[in-house]
Amino acid sequence: MEKSKGVKLRYSAAWVNEFALDLGREAGPVLKALQAKGILGGIALSRYYPERKNEILVAVTEVKKKGQLDKYVAAMKEVLA
């Protein structure tokens, strides 16, 4: 995901299977665009930390298949383009 334009990993280590991404723009519209594609993109951290409006929390577990993760990454790149 870090190779996507404007996206960076917020912290150097993930917590369990979760990680925060700074999208470089407001997260709400990005998550809505992903939802329109049938993808739950993560949780907007501004819901709990108003100052973190550009960040989302993403969880990846062993129940997700590589194809699902590839679809997520492709959709995110498309939304952020």
N, C-alpha and C. Protein backbone atom coordinates (compact mmCIF):
# COMPACT_ATOMS: atom_id res chain seq x y z
N MET A 1 0.81 -1.19 0.00
CA MET A 1 0.00 0.00 0.00
C MET A 1 0.85 1.26 0.00
N GLU A 2 2.03 1.20 0.59
CA GLU A 2 2.87 2.39 0.65
C GLU A 2 3.29 2.87 -0.73
N LYS A 3 3.25 1.99 -1.71
CA LYS A 3 3.62 2.40 -3.06
C LYS A 3 2.51 3.20 -3.73
N SER A 4 1.31 3.21 -3.13
CA SER A 4 0.21 3.99 -3.67
C SER A 4 0.49 5.47 -3.42
N LYS A 5 0.12 6.28 -4.34
CA LYS A 5 0.37 7.71 -4.27
C LYS A 5 -0.18 8.31 -2.97
N GLY A 6 0.70 8.91 -2.20
CA GLY A 6 0.30 9.62 -0.99
C GLY A 6 0.06 8.76 0.24
N VAL A 7 0.16 7.44 0.13
CA VAL A 7 -0.13 6.57 1.27
C VAL A 7 1.16 6.23 1.99
N LYS A 8 1.13 6.31 3.32
CA LYS A 8 2.29 5.87 4.08
C LYS A 8 1.84 5.15 5.34
N LEU A 9 2.64 4.19 5.73
CA LEU A 9 2.39 3.45 6.96
C LEU A 9 2.62 4.41 8.11
N ARG A 10 1.65 4.54 8.98
CA ARG A 10 1.72 5.53 10.06
C ARG A 10 2.75 5.14 11.11
N TYR A 11 2.88 3.87 11.40
CA TYR A 11 3.83 3.38 12.40
C TYR A 11 4.68 2.29 11.77
N SER A 12 5.89 2.10 12.28
CA SER A 12 6.81 1.15 11.67
C SER A 12 6.45 -0.31 11.92
N ALA A 13 5.60 -0.58 12.89
CA ALA A 13 5.21 -1.96 13.20
C ALA A 13 3.70 -2.08 13.29
N ALA A 14 3.18 -3.20 12.85
CA ALA A 14 1.75 -3.46 12.98
C ALA A 14 1.45 -3.97 14.37
N TRP A 15 0.21 -3.83 14.79
CA TRP A 15 -0.24 -4.35 16.07
C TRP A 15 -1.12 -5.54 15.76
N VAL A 16 -0.70 -6.72 16.12
CA VAL A 16 -1.37 -7.97 15.79
C VAL A 16 -1.52 -8.01 14.27
N ASN A 17 -2.72 -7.90 13.75
CA ASN A 17 -2.95 -7.89 12.31
C ASN A 17 -3.52 -6.56 11.85
N GLU A 18 -3.33 -5.54 12.64
CA GLU A 18 -3.87 -4.22 12.33
C GLU A 18 -2.73 -3.23 12.07
N PHE A 19 -3.01 -2.28 11.17
CA PHE A 19 -2.04 -1.22 10.94
C PHE A 19 -2.78 0.04 10.53
N ALA A 20 -2.17 1.17 10.84
CA ALA A 20 -2.75 2.47 10.49
C ALA A 20 -2.09 2.98 9.22
N LEU A 21 -2.91 3.52 8.32
CA LEU A 21 -2.41 4.14 7.10
C LEU A 21 -2.79 5.60 7.09
N ASP A 22 -1.84 6.45 6.74
CA ASP A 22 -2.11 7.86 6.49
C ASP A 22 -2.31 7.97 4.98
N LEU A 23 -3.52 8.34 4.57
CA LEU A 23 -3.86 8.36 3.15
C LEU A 23 -3.42 9.64 2.46
N GLY A 24 -2.96 10.62 3.21
CA GLY A 24 -2.55 11.86 2.61
C GLY A 24 -3.71 12.74 2.17
N ARG A 25 -4.89 12.33 2.53
CA ARG A 25 -6.12 13.09 2.26
C ARG A 25 -7.19 12.59 3.22
N GLU A 26 -8.29 13.28 3.27
CA GLU A 26 -9.35 12.92 4.21
C GLU A 26 -9.84 11.49 3.95
N ALA A 27 -9.91 10.71 5.02
CA ALA A 27 -10.24 9.29 4.90
C ALA A 27 -11.70 9.02 4.55
N GLY A 28 -12.62 9.83 5.04
CA GLY A 28 -14.05 9.58 4.84
C GLY A 28 -14.45 9.36 3.38
N PRO A 29 -14.11 10.28 2.48
CA PRO A 29 -14.47 10.08 1.07
C PRO A 29 -13.80 8.86 0.44
N VAL A 30 -12.59 8.55 0.87
CA VAL A 30 -11.90 7.36 0.34
C VAL A 30 -12.65 6.10 0.76
N LEU A 31 -13.03 6.03 2.03
CA LEU A 31 -13.76 4.86 2.52
C LEU A 31 -15.12 4.74 1.85
N LYS A 32 -15.79 5.85 1.59
CA LYS A 32 -17.09 5.81 0.89
C LYS A 32 -16.92 5.30 -0.53
N ALA A 33 -15.86 5.74 -1.21
CA ALA A 33 -15.62 5.28 -2.58
C ALA A 33 -15.32 3.78 -2.59
N LEU A 34 -14.56 3.30 -1.61
CA LEU A 34 -14.30 1.86 -1.52
C LEU A 34 -15.59 1.09 -1.23
N GLN A 35 -16.41 1.64 -0.36
CA GLN A 35 -17.68 0.98 -0.03
C GLN A 35 -18.57 0.87 -1.27
N ALA A 36 -18.54 1.88 -2.12
CA ALA A 36 -19.32 1.85 -3.36
C ALA A 36 -18.85 0.72 -4.28
N LYS A 37 -17.61 0.29 -4.10
CA LYS A 37 -17.07 -0.84 -4.87
C LYS A 37 -17.26 -2.16 -4.14
N GLY A 38 -17.97 -2.13 -3.01
CA GLY A 38 -18.23 -3.35 -2.25
C GLY A 38 -17.10 -3.75 -1.31
N ILE A 39 -16.26 -2.78 -0.97
CA ILE A 39 -15.10 -3.06 -0.11
C ILE A 39 -15.19 -2.23 1.17
N LEU A 40 -15.10 -2.92 2.30
CA LEU A 40 -15.01 -2.22 3.57
C LEU A 40 -13.52 -1.92 3.77
N GLY A 41 -13.16 -0.66 3.60
CA GLY A 41 -11.76 -0.27 3.51
C GLY A 41 -11.02 -0.12 4.81
N GLY A 42 -11.73 -0.03 5.91
CA GLY A 42 -11.09 0.17 7.20
C GLY A 42 -11.95 1.07 8.07
N ILE A 43 -11.37 1.51 9.16
CA ILE A 43 -12.08 2.40 10.09
C ILE A 43 -11.38 3.75 10.07
N ALA A 44 -12.16 4.79 9.87
CA ALA A 44 -11.60 6.15 9.92
C ALA A 44 -11.21 6.45 11.37
N LEU A 45 -9.94 6.73 11.59
CA LEU A 45 -9.48 6.98 12.95
C LEU A 45 -10.02 8.29 13.50
N SER A 46 -10.51 9.17 12.64
CA SER A 46 -11.11 10.43 13.11
C SER A 46 -12.36 10.17 13.94
N ARG A 47 -12.93 9.00 13.80
CA ARG A 47 -14.09 8.63 14.61
C ARG A 47 -13.74 8.65 16.11
N TYR A 48 -12.51 8.30 16.42
CA TYR A 48 -12.05 8.25 17.80
C TYR A 48 -11.04 9.35 18.13
N TYR A 49 -10.32 9.80 17.10
CA TYR A 49 -9.29 10.83 17.27
C TYR A 49 -9.52 11.88 16.19
N PRO A 50 -10.30 12.91 16.47
CA PRO A 50 -10.67 13.90 15.45
C PRO A 50 -9.49 14.51 14.68
N GLU A 51 -8.34 14.59 15.31
CA GLU A 51 -7.17 15.18 14.64
C GLU A 51 -6.53 14.25 13.60
N ARG A 52 -6.99 13.00 13.55
CA ARG A 52 -6.41 12.01 12.62
C ARG A 52 -7.33 11.77 11.43
N LYS A 53 -7.74 12.84 10.78
CA LYS A 53 -8.74 12.77 9.71
C LYS A 53 -8.26 12.08 8.44
N ASN A 54 -6.95 11.95 8.26
CA ASN A 54 -6.42 11.32 7.04
C ASN A 54 -6.06 9.85 7.24
N GLU A 55 -6.32 9.31 8.41
CA GLU A 55 -5.85 7.96 8.73
C GLU A 55 -6.98 6.94 8.85
N ILE A 56 -6.64 5.72 8.48
CA ILE A 56 -7.57 4.60 8.66
C ILE A 56 -6.85 3.46 9.37
N LEU A 57 -7.63 2.64 10.02
CA LEU A 57 -7.12 1.42 10.64
C LEU A 57 -7.57 0.25 9.78
N VAL A 58 -6.63 -0.58 9.39
CA VAL A 58 -6.90 -1.72 8.51
C VAL A 58 -6.52 -3.00 9.26
N ALA A 59 -7.35 -4.02 9.14
CA ALA A 59 -7.05 -5.32 9.75
C ALA A 59 -6.99 -6.37 8.65
N VAL A 60 -5.97 -7.20 8.72
CA VAL A 60 -5.79 -8.29 7.76
C VAL A 60 -5.58 -9.56 8.57
N THR A 61 -6.41 -10.55 8.32
CA THR A 61 -6.31 -11.80 9.06
C THR A 61 -6.10 -12.97 8.11
N GLU A 62 -5.87 -14.12 8.71
CA GLU A 62 -5.61 -15.33 7.92
C GLU A 62 -6.83 -15.80 7.13
N VAL A 63 -8.01 -15.27 7.42
CA VAL A 63 -9.20 -15.70 6.67
C VAL A 63 -9.34 -14.97 5.33
N LYS A 64 -8.52 -13.96 5.11
CA LYS A 64 -8.55 -13.26 3.82
C LYS A 64 -7.60 -13.94 2.85
N LYS A 65 -8.10 -14.15 1.66
CA LYS A 65 -7.28 -14.78 0.62
C LYS A 65 -6.48 -13.71 -0.13
N LYS A 66 -5.40 -14.14 -0.76
CA LYS A 66 -4.54 -13.21 -1.49
C LYS A 66 -5.33 -12.43 -2.53
N GLY A 67 -6.23 -13.07 -3.21
CA GLY A 67 -7.05 -12.39 -4.22
C GLY A 67 -7.88 -11.26 -3.63
N GLN A 68 -8.40 -11.46 -2.42
CA GLN A 68 -9.17 -10.41 -1.75
C GLN A 68 -8.27 -9.23 -1.40
N LEU A 69 -7.07 -9.53 -0.93
CA LEU A 69 -6.13 -8.46 -0.59
C LEU A 69 -5.68 -7.71 -1.84
N ASP A 70 -5.45 -8.43 -2.92
CA ASP A 70 -5.08 -7.79 -4.19
C ASP A 70 -6.19 -6.87 -4.67
N LYS A 71 -7.45 -7.32 -4.52
CA LYS A 71 -8.59 -6.51 -4.92
C LYS A 71 -8.65 -5.23 -4.09
N TYR A 72 -8.39 -5.34 -2.79
CA TYR A 72 -8.37 -4.18 -1.90
C TYR A 72 -7.31 -3.18 -2.34
N VAL A 73 -6.11 -3.67 -2.58
CA VAL A 73 -5.00 -2.79 -2.98
C VAL A 73 -5.32 -2.11 -4.32
N ALA A 74 -5.83 -2.86 -5.28
CA ALA A 74 -6.17 -2.29 -6.59
C ALA A 74 -7.25 -1.23 -6.46
N ALA A 75 -8.27 -1.50 -5.67
CA ALA A 75 -9.35 -0.53 -5.48
C ALA A 75 -8.84 0.73 -4.78
N MET A 76 -7.98 0.54 -3.78
CA MET A 76 -7.43 1.69 -3.07
C MET A 76 -6.61 2.56 -4.02
N LYS A 77 -5.77 1.92 -4.84
CA LYS A 77 -4.97 2.67 -5.81
C LYS A 77 -5.87 3.44 -6.77
N GLU A 78 -6.94 2.82 -7.22
CA GLU A 78 -7.88 3.47 -8.15
C GLU A 78 -8.55 4.67 -7.49
N VAL A 79 -8.99 4.51 -6.27
CA VAL A 79 -9.66 5.60 -5.54
C VAL A 79 -8.70 6.76 -5.29
N LEU A 80 -7.46 6.45 -5.00
CA LEU A 80 -6.48 7.50 -4.68
C LEU A 80 -5.83 8.14 -5.89
N ALA A 81 -6.06 7.57 -7.08
CA ALA A 81 -5.43 8.09 -8.31
C ALA A 81 -5.93 9.48 -8.65
